[in-house]
Amino acid sequence: MYGVDQKEKLVNLEKAKVISFNLLSEMTDALNRIHGTTHCMRYWNILLGHWLWRCVSIVLDRHQTLVSTLQETNISGTTTLNFVDTKLDTVVMYRSSNFSELVDLKKWR
C-alpha cells in the first residue's frame, strides 16, 4: 500500500480480509442463485476469495491515498479519462494477474 508505514499496511490488510469475508458471505447466496448451485461459502472462497481480497486491497489502498491527498494537498481540479478510443483489453481483465498489473500502471494511480 502506497505511502503508509508497515503498521498501517498490516491494519489495512486485515481490513481487506474482513471486508472480503463479509462480501463473500453476502455474495454466496447470489452466486448460487445465478449459477443454479448450492455451494457453501468455502467453495466460493476457494474459487474467488484471493481475487476478491486483491480487489478489496487495491480499493482500500486507493481510498487511503485519496484521503491522504485530500488532507495534505489543496486540490485545484480533477481529470477524467476518456475511454472512447480505448481498446477493451486495456480496461477489461481476463486473468487476475492482468488486473494487478493494470492497476499498477501510472495512469491508474
PDB file of N, CA and C in Angstrom:
ATOM      1  N   MET A   1       0.839  -1.172   0.000  1.00  0.00           N
ATOM      2  CA  MET A   1       0.000   0.000   0.000  1.00  0.00           C
ATOM      3  C   MET A   1       0.887   1.239   0.000  1.00  0.00           C
ATOM      4  N   TYR A   2       0.563   2.131  -0.874  1.00  0.00           N
ATOM      5  CA  TYR A   2       1.385   3.296  -1.138  1.00  0.00           C
ATOM      6  C   TYR A   2       1.300   4.331  -0.023  1.00  0.00           C
ATOM      7  N   GLY A   3       2.469   4.813   0.421  1.00  0.00           N
ATOM      8  CA  GLY A   3       2.519   5.960   1.317  1.00  0.00           C
ATOM      9  C   GLY A   3       2.125   5.716   2.752  1.00  0.00           C
ATOM     10  N   VAL A   4       2.083   4.474   3.205  1.00  0.00           N
ATOM     11  CA  VAL A   4       1.737   4.206   4.594  1.00  0.00           C
ATOM     12  C   VAL A   4       2.836   3.361   5.232  1.00  0.00           C
ATOM     13  N   ASP A   5       2.968   3.484   6.544  1.00  0.00           N
ATOM     14  CA  ASP A   5       4.008   2.714   7.224  1.00  0.00           C
ATOM     15  C   ASP A   5       3.570   1.256   7.383  1.00  0.00           C
ATOM     16  N   GLN A   6       4.515   0.415   7.819  1.00  0.00           N
ATOM     17  CA  GLN A   6       4.275  -1.021   7.898  1.00  0.00           C
ATOM     18  C   GLN A   6       3.105  -1.378   8.810  1.00  0.00           C
ATOM     19  N   LYS A   7       2.986  -0.690   9.947  1.00  0.00           N
ATOM     20  CA  LYS A   7       1.900  -0.977  10.887  1.00  0.00           C
ATOM     21  C   LYS A   7       0.541  -0.693  10.240  1.00  0.00           C
ATOM     22  N   GLU A   8       0.445   0.429   9.551  1.00  0.00           N
ATOM     23  CA  GLU A   8      -0.806   0.782   8.884  1.00  0.00           C
ATOM     24  C   GLU A   8      -1.116  -0.183   7.741  1.00  0.00           C
ATOM     25  N   LYS A   9      -0.074  -0.650   7.039  1.00  0.00           N
ATOM     26  CA  LYS A   9      -0.282  -1.640   5.980  1.00  0.00           C
ATOM     27  C   LYS A   9      -0.928  -2.896   6.537  1.00  0.00           C
ATOM     28  N   LEU A  10      -0.424  -3.356   7.691  1.00  0.00           N
ATOM     29  CA  LEU A  10      -0.980  -4.558   8.312  1.00  0.00           C
ATOM     30  C   LEU A  10      -2.430  -4.348   8.723  1.00  0.00           C
ATOM     31  N   VAL A  11      -2.733  -3.163   9.262  1.00  0.00           N
ATOM     32  CA  VAL A  11      -4.110  -2.843   9.638  1.00  0.00           C
ATOM     33  C   VAL A  11      -5.004  -2.850   8.400  1.00  0.00           C
ATOM     34  N   ASN A  12      -4.532  -2.246   7.309  1.00  0.00           N
ATOM     35  CA  ASN A  12      -5.304  -2.193   6.068  1.00  0.00           C
ATOM     36  C   ASN A  12      -5.504  -3.585   5.459  1.00  0.00           C
ATOM     37  N   LEU A  13      -4.485  -4.430   5.540  1.00  0.00           N
ATOM     38  CA  LEU A  13      -4.621  -5.789   5.023  1.00  0.00           C
ATOM     39  C   LEU A  13      -5.642  -6.590   5.834  1.00  0.00           C
ATOM     40  N   GLU A  14      -5.656  -6.367   7.139  1.00  0.00           N
ATOM     41  CA  GLU A  14      -6.650  -7.028   7.989  1.00  0.00           C
ATOM     42  C   GLU A  14      -8.058  -6.522   7.658  1.00  0.00           C
ATOM     43  N   LYS A  15      -8.178  -5.215   7.418  1.00  0.00           N
ATOM     44  CA  LYS A  15      -9.472  -4.656   6.994  1.00  0.00           C
ATOM     45  C   LYS A  15      -9.932  -5.313   5.698  1.00  0.00           C
ATOM     46  N   ALA A  16      -8.991  -5.490   4.770  1.00  0.00           N
ATOM     47  CA  ALA A  16      -9.321  -6.106   3.485  1.00  0.00           C
ATOM     48  C   ALA A  16      -9.822  -7.530   3.690  1.00  0.00           C
ATOM     49  N   LYS A  17      -9.210  -8.265   4.610  1.00  0.00           N
ATOM     50  CA  LYS A  17      -9.667  -9.634   4.901  1.00  0.00           C
ATOM     51  C   LYS A  17     -11.099  -9.628   5.424  1.00  0.00           C
ATOM     52  N   VAL A  18     -11.380  -8.738   6.359  1.00  0.00           N
ATOM     53  CA  VAL A  18     -12.716  -8.668   6.965  1.00  0.00           C
ATOM     54  C   VAL A  18     -13.753  -8.263   5.916  1.00  0.00           C
ATOM     55  N   ILE A  19     -13.455  -7.240   5.142  1.00  0.00           N
ATOM     56  CA  ILE A  19     -14.385  -6.778   4.103  1.00  0.00           C
ATOM     57  C   ILE A  19     -14.616  -7.876   3.068  1.00  0.00           C
ATOM     58  N   SER A  20     -13.548  -8.539   2.647  1.00  0.00           N
ATOM     59  CA  SER A  20     -13.667  -9.623   1.663  1.00  0.00           C
ATOM     60  C   SER A  20     -14.539 -10.748   2.194  1.00  0.00           C
ATOM     61  N   PHE A  21     -14.319 -11.125   3.457  1.00  0.00           N
ATOM     62  CA  PHE A  21     -15.125 -12.177   4.079  1.00  0.00           C
ATOM     63  C   PHE A  21     -16.601 -11.771   4.094  1.00  0.00           C
ATOM     64  N   ASN A  22     -16.864 -10.541   4.512  1.00  0.00           N
ATOM     65  CA  ASN A  22     -18.247 -10.060   4.570  1.00  0.00           C
ATOM     66  C   ASN A  22     -18.893 -10.006   3.183  1.00  0.00           C
ATOM     67  N   LEU A  23     -18.136  -9.545   2.199  1.00  0.00           N
ATOM     68  CA  LEU A  23     -18.662  -9.508   0.825  1.00  0.00           C
ATOM     69  C   LEU A  23     -18.970 -10.910   0.325  1.00  0.00           C
ATOM     70  N   LEU A  24     -18.047 -11.824   0.546  1.00  0.00           N
ATOM     71  CA  LEU A  24     -18.249 -13.187   0.076  1.00  0.00           C
ATOM     72  C   LEU A  24     -19.437 -13.831   0.778  1.00  0.00           C
ATOM     73  N   SER A  25     -19.602 -13.517   2.029  1.00  0.00           N
ATOM     74  CA  SER A  25     -20.752 -14.011   2.780  1.00  0.00           C
ATOM     75  C   SER A  25     -22.050 -13.514   2.144  1.00  0.00           C
ATOM     76  N   GLU A  26     -22.067 -12.245   1.770  1.00  0.00           N
ATOM     77  CA  GLU A  26     -23.239 -11.659   1.112  1.00  0.00           C
ATOM     78  C   GLU A  26     -23.436 -12.217  -0.303  1.00  0.00           C
ATOM     79  N   MET A  27     -22.334 -12.510  -0.979  1.00  0.00           N
ATOM     80  CA  MET A  27     -22.393 -12.938  -2.375  1.00  0.00           C
ATOM     81  C   MET A  27     -22.741 -14.412  -2.555  1.00  0.00           C
ATOM     82  N   THR A  28     -22.524 -15.232  -1.538  1.00  0.00           N
ATOM     83  CA  THR A  28     -22.688 -16.681  -1.674  1.00  0.00           C
ATOM     84  C   THR A  28     -24.077 -17.066  -2.175  1.00  0.00           C
ATOM     85  N   ASP A  29     -25.125 -16.557  -1.545  1.00  0.00           N
ATOM     86  CA  ASP A  29     -26.487 -16.881  -1.987  1.00  0.00           C
ATOM     87  C   ASP A  29     -26.745 -16.405  -3.416  1.00  0.00           C
ATOM     88  N   ALA A  30     -26.286 -15.195  -3.727  1.00  0.00           N
ATOM     89  CA  ALA A  30     -26.487 -14.650  -5.073  1.00  0.00           C
ATOM     90  C   ALA A  30     -25.742 -15.487  -6.115  1.00  0.00           C
ATOM     91  N   LEU A  31     -24.512 -15.859  -5.820  1.00  0.00           N
ATOM     92  CA  LEU A  31     -23.741 -16.681  -6.760  1.00  0.00           C
ATOM     93  C   LEU A  31     -24.413 -18.034  -6.978  1.00  0.00           C
ATOM     94  N   ASN A  32     -24.919 -18.616  -5.908  1.00  0.00           N
ATOM     95  CA  ASN A  32     -25.613 -19.897  -6.044  1.00  0.00           C
ATOM     96  C   ASN A  32     -26.883 -19.760  -6.886  1.00  0.00           C
ATOM     97  N   ARG A  33     -27.630 -18.681  -6.678  1.00  0.00           N
ATOM     98  CA  ARG A  33     -28.843 -18.442  -7.483  1.00  0.00           C
ATOM     99  C   ARG A  33     -28.478 -18.270  -8.950  1.00  0.00           C
ATOM    100  N   ILE A  34     -27.486 -17.443  -9.213  1.00  0.00           N
ATOM    101  CA  ILE A  34     -27.079 -17.157 -10.601  1.00  0.00           C
ATOM    102  C   ILE A  34     -26.624 -18.426 -11.312  1.00  0.00           C
ATOM    103  N   HIS A  35     -25.879 -19.275 -10.592  1.00  0.00           N
ATOM    104  CA  HIS A  35     -25.300 -20.471 -11.210  1.00  0.00           C
ATOM    105  C   HIS A  35     -26.125 -21.734 -10.991  1.00  0.00           C
ATOM    106  N   GLY A  36     -27.268 -21.600 -10.300  1.00  0.00           N
ATOM    107  CA  GLY A  36     -28.129 -22.751 -10.074  1.00  0.00           C
ATOM    108  C   GLY A  36     -27.466 -23.826  -9.230  1.00  0.00           C
ATOM    109  N   THR A  37     -26.697 -23.403  -8.227  1.00  0.00           N
ATOM    110  CA  THR A  37     -25.969 -24.344  -7.375  1.00  0.00           C
ATOM    111  C   THR A  37     -26.328 -24.117  -5.910  1.00  0.00           C
ATOM    112  N   THR A  38     -25.767 -24.933  -5.053  1.00  0.00           N
ATOM    113  CA  THR A  38     -25.962 -24.779  -3.606  1.00  0.00           C
ATOM    114  C   THR A  38     -24.610 -24.889  -2.885  1.00  0.00           C
ATOM    115  N   HIS A  39     -23.589 -24.312  -3.464  1.00  0.00           N
ATOM    116  CA  HIS A  39     -22.247 -24.404  -2.881  1.00  0.00           C
ATOM    117  C   HIS A  39     -22.160 -23.592  -1.584  1.00  0.00           C
ATOM    118  N   CYS A  40     -21.339 -24.077  -0.679  1.00  0.00           N
ATOM    119  CA  CYS A  40     -21.114 -23.363   0.578  1.00  0.00           C
ATOM    120  C   CYS A  40     -20.147 -22.195   0.353  1.00  0.00           C
ATOM    121  N   MET A  41     -20.068 -21.327   1.337  1.00  0.00           N
ATOM    122  CA  MET A  41     -19.182 -20.163   1.233  1.00  0.00           C
ATOM    123  C   MET A  41     -17.730 -20.589   1.042  1.00  0.00           C
ATOM    124  N   ARG A  42     -17.334 -21.703   1.641  1.00  0.00           N
ATOM    125  CA  ARG A  42     -15.950 -22.179   1.494  1.00  0.00           C
ATOM    126  C   ARG A  42     -15.627 -22.444   0.017  1.00  0.00           C
ATOM    127  N   TYR A  43     -16.576 -23.034  -0.713  1.00  0.00           N
ATOM    128  CA  TYR A  43     -16.391 -23.286  -2.140  1.00  0.00           C
ATOM    129  C   TYR A  43     -16.108 -21.976  -2.879  1.00  0.00           C
ATOM    130  N   TRP A  44     -16.966 -20.970  -2.648  1.00  0.00           N
ATOM    131  CA  TRP A  44     -16.809 -19.690  -3.332  1.00  0.00           C
ATOM    132  C   TRP A  44     -15.531 -18.988  -2.878  1.00  0.00           C
ATOM    133  N   ASN A  45     -15.147 -19.188  -1.628  1.00  0.00           N
ATOM    134  CA  ASN A  45     -13.895 -18.603  -1.147  1.00  0.00           C
ATOM    135  C   ASN A  45     -12.696 -19.207  -1.868  1.00  0.00           C
ATOM    136  N   ILE A  46     -12.711 -20.529  -2.063  1.00  0.00           N
ATOM    137  CA  ILE A  46     -11.621 -21.178  -2.798  1.00  0.00           C
ATOM    138  C   ILE A  46     -11.571 -20.653  -4.228  1.00  0.00           C
ATOM    139  N   LEU A  47     -12.735 -20.491  -4.825  1.00  0.00           N
ATOM    140  CA  LEU A  47     -12.810 -20.068  -6.220  1.00  0.00           C
ATOM    141  C   LEU A  47     -12.506 -18.577  -6.407  1.00  0.00           C
ATOM    142  N   LEU A  48     -13.052 -17.725  -5.531  1.00  0.00           N
ATOM    143  CA  LEU A  48     -12.993 -16.280  -5.739  1.00  0.00           C
ATOM    144  C   LEU A  48     -12.273 -15.495  -4.640  1.00  0.00           C
ATOM    145  N   GLY A  49     -11.993 -16.141  -3.522  1.00  0.00           N
ATOM    146  CA  GLY A  49     -11.501 -15.432  -2.341  1.00  0.00           C
ATOM    147  C   GLY A  49     -10.248 -14.601  -2.563  1.00  0.00           C
ATOM    148  N   HIS A  50      -9.246 -15.189  -3.193  1.00  0.00           N
ATOM    149  CA  HIS A  50      -7.992 -14.456  -3.388  1.00  0.00           C
ATOM    150  C   HIS A  50      -8.191 -13.260  -4.318  1.00  0.00           C
ATOM    151  N   TRP A  51      -8.929 -13.472  -5.393  1.00  0.00           N
ATOM    152  CA  TRP A  51      -9.217 -12.380  -6.328  1.00  0.00           C
ATOM    153  C   TRP A  51      -9.977 -11.264  -5.621  1.00  0.00           C
ATOM    154  N   LEU A  52     -10.995 -11.634  -4.846  1.00  0.00           N
ATOM    155  CA  LEU A  52     -11.791 -10.637  -4.133  1.00  0.00           C
ATOM    156  C   LEU A  52     -10.937  -9.863  -3.139  1.00  0.00           C
ATOM    157  N   TRP A  53     -10.091 -10.570  -2.402  1.00  0.00           N
ATOM    158  CA  TRP A  53      -9.204  -9.923  -1.438  1.00  0.00           C
ATOM    159  C   TRP A  53      -8.266  -8.938  -2.140  1.00  0.00           C
ATOM    160  N   ARG A  54      -7.732  -9.324  -3.289  1.00  0.00           N
ATOM    161  CA  ARG A  54      -6.833  -8.431  -4.033  1.00  0.00           C
ATOM    162  C   ARG A  54      -7.574  -7.174  -4.470  1.00  0.00           C
ATOM    163  N   CYS A  55      -8.775  -7.333  -4.989  1.00  0.00           N
ATOM    164  CA  CYS A  55      -9.570  -6.178  -5.427  1.00  0.00           C
ATOM    165  C   CYS A  55      -9.883  -5.254  -4.260  1.00  0.00           C
ATOM    166  N   VAL A  56     -10.314  -5.819  -3.149  1.00  0.00           N
ATOM    167  CA  VAL A  56     -10.634  -5.014  -1.969  1.00  0.00           C
ATOM    168  C   VAL A  56      -9.383  -4.308  -1.463  1.00  0.00           C
ATOM    169  N   SER A  57      -8.250  -4.991  -1.448  1.00  0.00           N
ATOM    170  CA  SER A  57      -6.989  -4.376  -1.004  1.00  0.00           C
ATOM    171  C   SER A  57      -6.624  -3.172  -1.864  1.00  0.00           C
ATOM    172  N   ILE A  58      -6.818  -3.317  -3.161  1.00  0.00           N
ATOM    173  CA  ILE A  58      -6.498  -2.217  -4.079  1.00  0.00           C
ATOM    174  C   ILE A  58      -7.442  -1.041  -3.856  1.00  0.00           C
ATOM    175  N   VAL A  59      -8.724  -1.315  -3.690  1.00  0.00           N
ATOM    176  CA  VAL A  59      -9.688  -0.236  -3.435  1.00  0.00           C
ATOM    177  C   VAL A  59      -9.356   0.471  -2.128  1.00  0.00           C
ATOM    178  N   LEU A  60      -9.027  -0.285  -1.089  1.00  0.00           N
ATOM    179  CA  LEU A  60      -8.641   0.338   0.183  1.00  0.00           C
ATOM    180  C   LEU A  60      -7.386   1.188   0.029  1.00  0.00           C
ATOM    181  N   ASP A  61      -6.418   0.691  -0.726  1.00  0.00           N
ATOM    182  CA  ASP A  61      -5.200   1.458  -0.974  1.00  0.00           C
ATOM    183  C   ASP A  61      -5.511   2.772  -1.680  1.00  0.00           C
ATOM    184  N   ARG A  62      -6.342   2.710  -2.711  1.00  0.00           N
ATOM    185  CA  ARG A  62      -6.700   3.927  -3.450  1.00  0.00           C
ATOM    186  C   ARG A  62      -7.488   4.882  -2.558  1.00  0.00           C
ATOM    187  N   HIS A  63      -8.356   4.343  -1.720  1.00  0.00           N
ATOM    188  CA  HIS A  63      -9.113   5.183  -0.795  1.00  0.00           C
ATOM    189  C   HIS A  63      -8.174   5.884   0.178  1.00  0.00           C
ATOM    190  N   GLN A  64      -7.234   5.138   0.745  1.00  0.00           N
ATOM    191  CA  GLN A  64      -6.279   5.721   1.684  1.00  0.00           C
ATOM    192  C   GLN A  64      -5.440   6.800   1.003  1.00  0.00           C
ATOM    193  N   THR A  65      -5.049   6.553  -0.233  1.00  0.00           N
ATOM    194  CA  THR A  65      -4.276   7.536  -0.986  1.00  0.00           C
ATOM    195  C   THR A  65      -5.100   8.804  -1.217  1.00  0.00           C
ATOM    196  N   LEU A  66      -6.378   8.649  -1.566  1.00  0.00           N
ATOM    197  CA  LEU A  66      -7.248   9.809  -1.763  1.00  0.00           C
ATOM    198  C   LEU A  66      -7.435  10.599  -0.463  1.00  0.00           C
ATOM    199  N   VAL A  67      -7.699   9.902   0.627  1.00  0.00           N
ATOM    200  CA  VAL A  67      -7.886  10.568   1.916  1.00  0.00           C
ATOM    201  C   VAL A  67      -6.633  11.338   2.292  1.00  0.00           C
ATOM    202  N   SER A  68      -5.491  10.687   2.158  1.00  0.00           N
ATOM    203  CA  SER A  68      -4.220  11.331   2.493  1.00  0.00           C
ATOM    204  C   SER A  68      -3.961  12.554   1.613  1.00  0.00           C
ATOM    205  N   THR A  69      -4.215  12.404   0.328  1.00  0.00           N
ATOM    206  CA  THR A  69      -4.007  13.514  -0.607  1.00  0.00           C
ATOM    207  C   THR A  69      -4.928  14.688  -0.292  1.00  0.00           C
ATOM    208  N   LEU A  70      -6.187  14.388  -0.012  1.00  0.00           N
ATOM    209  CA  LEU A  70      -7.141  15.451   0.295  1.00  0.00           C
ATOM    210  C   LEU A  70      -6.794  16.171   1.603  1.00  0.00           C
ATOM    211  N   GLN A  71      -6.195  15.472   2.543  1.00  0.00           N
ATOM    212  CA  GLN A  71      -5.807  16.082   3.810  1.00  0.00           C
ATOM    213  C   GLN A  71      -4.554  16.927   3.683  1.00  0.00           C
ATOM    214  N   GLU A  72      -3.668  16.556   2.760  1.00  0.00           N
ATOM    215  CA  GLU A  72      -2.358  17.190   2.678  1.00  0.00           C
ATOM    216  C   GLU A  72      -2.193  18.155   1.511  1.00  0.00           C
ATOM    217  N   THR A  73      -3.149  18.182   0.591  1.00  0.00           N
ATOM    218  CA  THR A  73      -2.976  18.944  -0.640  1.00  0.00           C
ATOM    219  C   THR A  73      -4.209  19.778  -0.940  1.00  0.00           C
ATOM    220  N   ASN A  74      -3.996  20.960  -1.469  1.00  0.00           N
ATOM    221  CA  ASN A  74      -5.096  21.791  -1.936  1.00  0.00           C
ATOM    222  C   ASN A  74      -5.392  21.396  -3.380  1.00  0.00           C
ATOM    223  N   ILE A  75      -6.480  20.696  -3.598  1.00  0.00           N
ATOM    224  CA  ILE A  75      -6.837  20.207  -4.929  1.00  0.00           C
ATOM    225  C   ILE A  75      -7.477  21.342  -5.726  1.00  0.00           C
ATOM    226  N   SER A  76      -6.947  21.581  -6.923  1.00  0.00           N
ATOM    227  CA  SER A  76      -7.451  22.676  -7.739  1.00  0.00           C
ATOM    228  C   SER A  76      -8.356  22.199  -8.875  1.00  0.00           C
ATOM    229  N   GLY A  77      -8.410  20.883  -9.107  1.00  0.00           N
ATOM    230  CA  GLY A  77      -9.248  20.377 -10.179  1.00  0.00           C
ATOM    231  C   GLY A  77      -9.142  18.873 -10.277  1.00  0.00           C
ATOM    232  N   THR A  78      -9.869  18.309 -11.216  1.00  0.00           N
ATOM    233  CA  THR A  78      -9.835  16.866 -11.441  1.00  0.00           C
ATOM    234  C   THR A  78      -9.690  16.581 -12.919  1.00  0.00           C
ATOM    235  N   THR A  79      -9.341  15.360 -13.234  1.00  0.00           N
ATOM    236  CA  THR A  79      -9.217  14.916 -14.611  1.00  0.00           C
ATOM    237  C   THR A  79     -10.036  13.650 -14.782  1.00  0.00           C
ATOM    238  N   THR A  80     -10.713  13.539 -15.902  1.00  0.00           N
ATOM    239  CA  THR A  80     -11.435  12.305 -16.193  1.00  0.00           C
ATOM    240  C   THR A  80     -10.773  11.611 -17.370  1.00  0.00           C
ATOM    241  N   LEU A  81     -10.915  10.309 -17.420  1.00  0.00           N
ATOM    242  CA  LEU A  81     -10.342   9.534 -18.516  1.00  0.00           C
ATOM    243  C   LEU A  81     -11.382   9.341 -19.604  1.00  0.00           C
ATOM    244  N   ASN A  82     -10.949   9.438 -20.852  1.00  0.00           N
ATOM    245  CA  ASN A  82     -11.819   9.228 -21.993  1.00  0.00           C
ATOM    246  C   ASN A  82     -11.569   7.826 -22.536  1.00  0.00           C
ATOM    247  N   PHE A  83     -12.565   6.935 -22.429  1.00  0.00           N
ATOM    248  CA  PHE A  83     -12.405   5.566 -22.869  1.00  0.00           C
ATOM    249  C   PHE A  83     -12.971   5.304 -24.263  1.00  0.00           C
ATOM    250  N   VAL A  84     -13.364   6.339 -24.981  1.00  0.00           N
ATOM    251  CA  VAL A  84     -13.993   6.155 -26.288  1.00  0.00           C
ATOM    252  C   VAL A  84     -13.072   5.412 -27.251  1.00  0.00           C
ATOM    253  N   ASP A  85     -11.805   5.793 -27.302  1.00  0.00           N
ATOM    254  CA  ASP A  85     -10.863   5.172 -28.235  1.00  0.00           C
ATOM    255  C   ASP A  85      -9.969   4.141 -27.560  1.00  0.00           C
ATOM    256  N   THR A  86     -10.363   3.675 -26.395  1.00  0.00           N
ATOM    257  CA  THR A  86      -9.554   2.725 -25.643  1.00  0.00           C
ATOM    258  C   THR A  86      -9.892   1.300 -26.050  1.00  0.00           C
ATOM    259  N   LYS A  87      -8.861   0.496 -26.267  1.00  0.00           N
ATOM    260  CA  LYS A  87      -9.087  -0.913 -26.575  1.00  0.00           C
ATOM    261  C   LYS A  87      -9.661  -1.607 -25.349  1.00  0.00           C
ATOM    262  N   LEU A  88     -10.611  -2.477 -25.564  1.00  0.00           N
ATOM    263  CA  LEU A  88     -11.290  -3.169 -24.473  1.00  0.00           C
ATOM    264  C   LEU A  88     -10.318  -3.938 -23.584  1.00  0.00           C
ATOM    265  N   ASP A  89      -9.280  -4.537 -24.176  1.00  0.00           N
ATOM    266  CA  ASP A  89      -8.366  -5.346 -23.372  1.00  0.00           C
ATOM    267  C   ASP A  89      -7.467  -4.522 -22.456  1.00  0.00           C
ATOM    268  N   THR A  90      -7.561  -3.199 -22.520  1.00  0.00           N
ATOM    269  CA  THR A  90      -6.789  -2.374 -21.585  1.00  0.00           C
ATOM    270  C   THR A  90      -7.610  -1.993 -20.360  1.00  0.00           C
ATOM    271  N   VAL A  91      -8.905  -2.284 -20.365  1.00  0.00           N
ATOM    272  CA  VAL A  91      -9.744  -1.986 -19.198  1.00  0.00           C
ATOM    273  C   VAL A  91     -10.515  -3.200 -18.678  1.00  0.00           C
ATOM    274  N   VAL A  92     -10.602  -4.266 -19.472  1.00  0.00           N
ATOM    275  CA  VAL A  92     -11.268  -5.489 -19.032  1.00  0.00           C
ATOM    276  C   VAL A  92     -10.199  -6.557 -18.877  1.00  0.00           C
ATOM    277  N   MET A  93     -10.131  -7.145 -17.704  1.00  0.00           N
ATOM    278  CA  MET A  93      -9.104  -8.132 -17.432  1.00  0.00           C
ATOM    279  C   MET A  93      -9.692  -9.534 -17.482  1.00  0.00           C
ATOM    280  N   TYR A  94      -8.950 -10.420 -18.086  1.00  0.00           N
ATOM    281  CA  TYR A  94      -9.402 -11.793 -18.222  1.00  0.00           C
ATOM    282  C   TYR A  94      -8.723 -12.728 -17.219  1.00  0.00           C
ATOM    283  N   ARG A  95      -7.658 -12.261 -16.572  1.00  0.00           N
ATOM    284  CA  ARG A  95      -6.970 -13.020 -15.528  1.00  0.00           C
ATOM    285  C   ARG A  95      -6.670 -12.059 -14.388  1.00  0.00           C
ATOM    286  N   SER A  96      -6.676 -12.549 -13.162  1.00  0.00           N
ATOM    287  CA  SER A  96      -6.435 -11.662 -12.018  1.00  0.00           C
ATOM    288  C   SER A  96      -5.039 -11.073 -12.043  1.00  0.00           C
ATOM    289  N   SER A  97      -4.070 -11.783 -12.613  1.00  0.00           N
ATOM    290  CA  SER A  97      -2.713 -11.221 -12.697  1.00  0.00           C
ATOM    291  C   SER A  97      -2.705  -9.996 -13.618  1.00  0.00           C
ATOM    292  N   ASN A  98      -3.526 -10.006 -14.666  1.00  0.00           N
ATOM    293  CA  ASN A  98      -3.627  -8.835 -15.542  1.00  0.00           C
ATOM    294  C   ASN A  98      -4.197  -7.645 -14.778  1.00  0.00           C
ATOM    295  N   PHE A  99      -5.167  -7.910 -13.919  1.00  0.00           N
ATOM    296  CA  PHE A  99      -5.765  -6.844 -13.113  1.00  0.00           C
ATOM    297  C   PHE A  99      -4.711  -6.194 -12.221  1.00  0.00           C
ATOM    298  N   SER A 100      -3.920  -7.002 -11.549  1.00  0.00           N
ATOM    299  CA  SER A 100      -2.883  -6.463 -10.658  1.00  0.00           C
ATOM    300  C   SER A 100      -1.858  -5.648 -11.435  1.00  0.00           C
ATOM    301  N   GLU A 101      -1.497  -6.123 -12.611  1.00  0.00           N
ATOM    302  CA  GLU A 101      -0.549  -5.386 -13.449  1.00  0.00           C
ATOM    303  C   GLU A 101      -1.154  -4.065 -13.909  1.00  0.00           C
ATOM    304  N   LEU A 102      -2.419  -4.085 -14.302  1.00  0.00           N
ATOM    305  CA  LEU A 102      -3.078  -2.891 -14.807  1.00  0.00           C
ATOM    306  C   LEU A 102      -3.164  -1.806 -13.742  1.00  0.00           C
ATOM    307  N   VAL A 103      -3.584  -2.157 -12.528  1.00  0.00           N
ATOM    308  CA  VAL A 103      -3.768  -1.127 -11.512  1.00  0.00           C
ATOM    309  C   VAL A 103      -2.452  -0.526 -11.046  1.00  0.00           C
ATOM    310  N   ASP A 104      -1.346  -1.174 -11.375  1.00  0.00           N
ATOM    311  CA  ASP A 104      -0.044  -0.607 -11.029  1.00  0.00           C
ATOM    312  C   ASP A 104       0.491   0.360 -12.081  1.00  0.00           C
ATOM    313  N   LEU A 105      -0.204   0.444 -13.231  1.00  0.00           N
ATOM    314  CA  LEU A 105       0.220   1.378 -14.259  1.00  0.00           C
ATOM    315  C   LEU A 105       0.005   2.811 -13.777  1.00  0.00           C
ATOM    316  N   LYS A 106       0.876   3.692 -14.189  1.00  0.00           N
ATOM    317  CA  LYS A 106       0.839   5.084 -13.725  1.00  0.00           C
ATOM    318  C   LYS A 106      -0.505   5.759 -14.013  1.00  0.00           C
ATOM    319  N   LYS A 107      -1.140   5.459 -15.148  1.00  0.00           N
ATOM    320  CA  LYS A 107      -2.382   6.153 -15.484  1.00  0.00           C
ATOM    321  C   LYS A 107      -3.514   5.825 -14.516  1.00  0.00           C
ATOM    322  N   TRP A 108      -3.391   4.746 -13.734  1.00  0.00           N
ATOM    323  CA  TRP A 108      -4.426   4.374 -12.782  1.00  0.00           C
ATOM    324  C   TRP A 108      -4.103   4.812 -11.361  1.00  0.00           C
ATOM    325  N   ARG A 109      -2.972   5.423 -11.124  1.00  0.00           N
ATOM    326  CA  ARG A 109      -2.581   5.841  -9.768  1.00  0.00           C
ATOM    327  C   ARG A 109      -2.987   7.269  -9.520  1.00  0.00           C
TER     328      ARG A 109
END
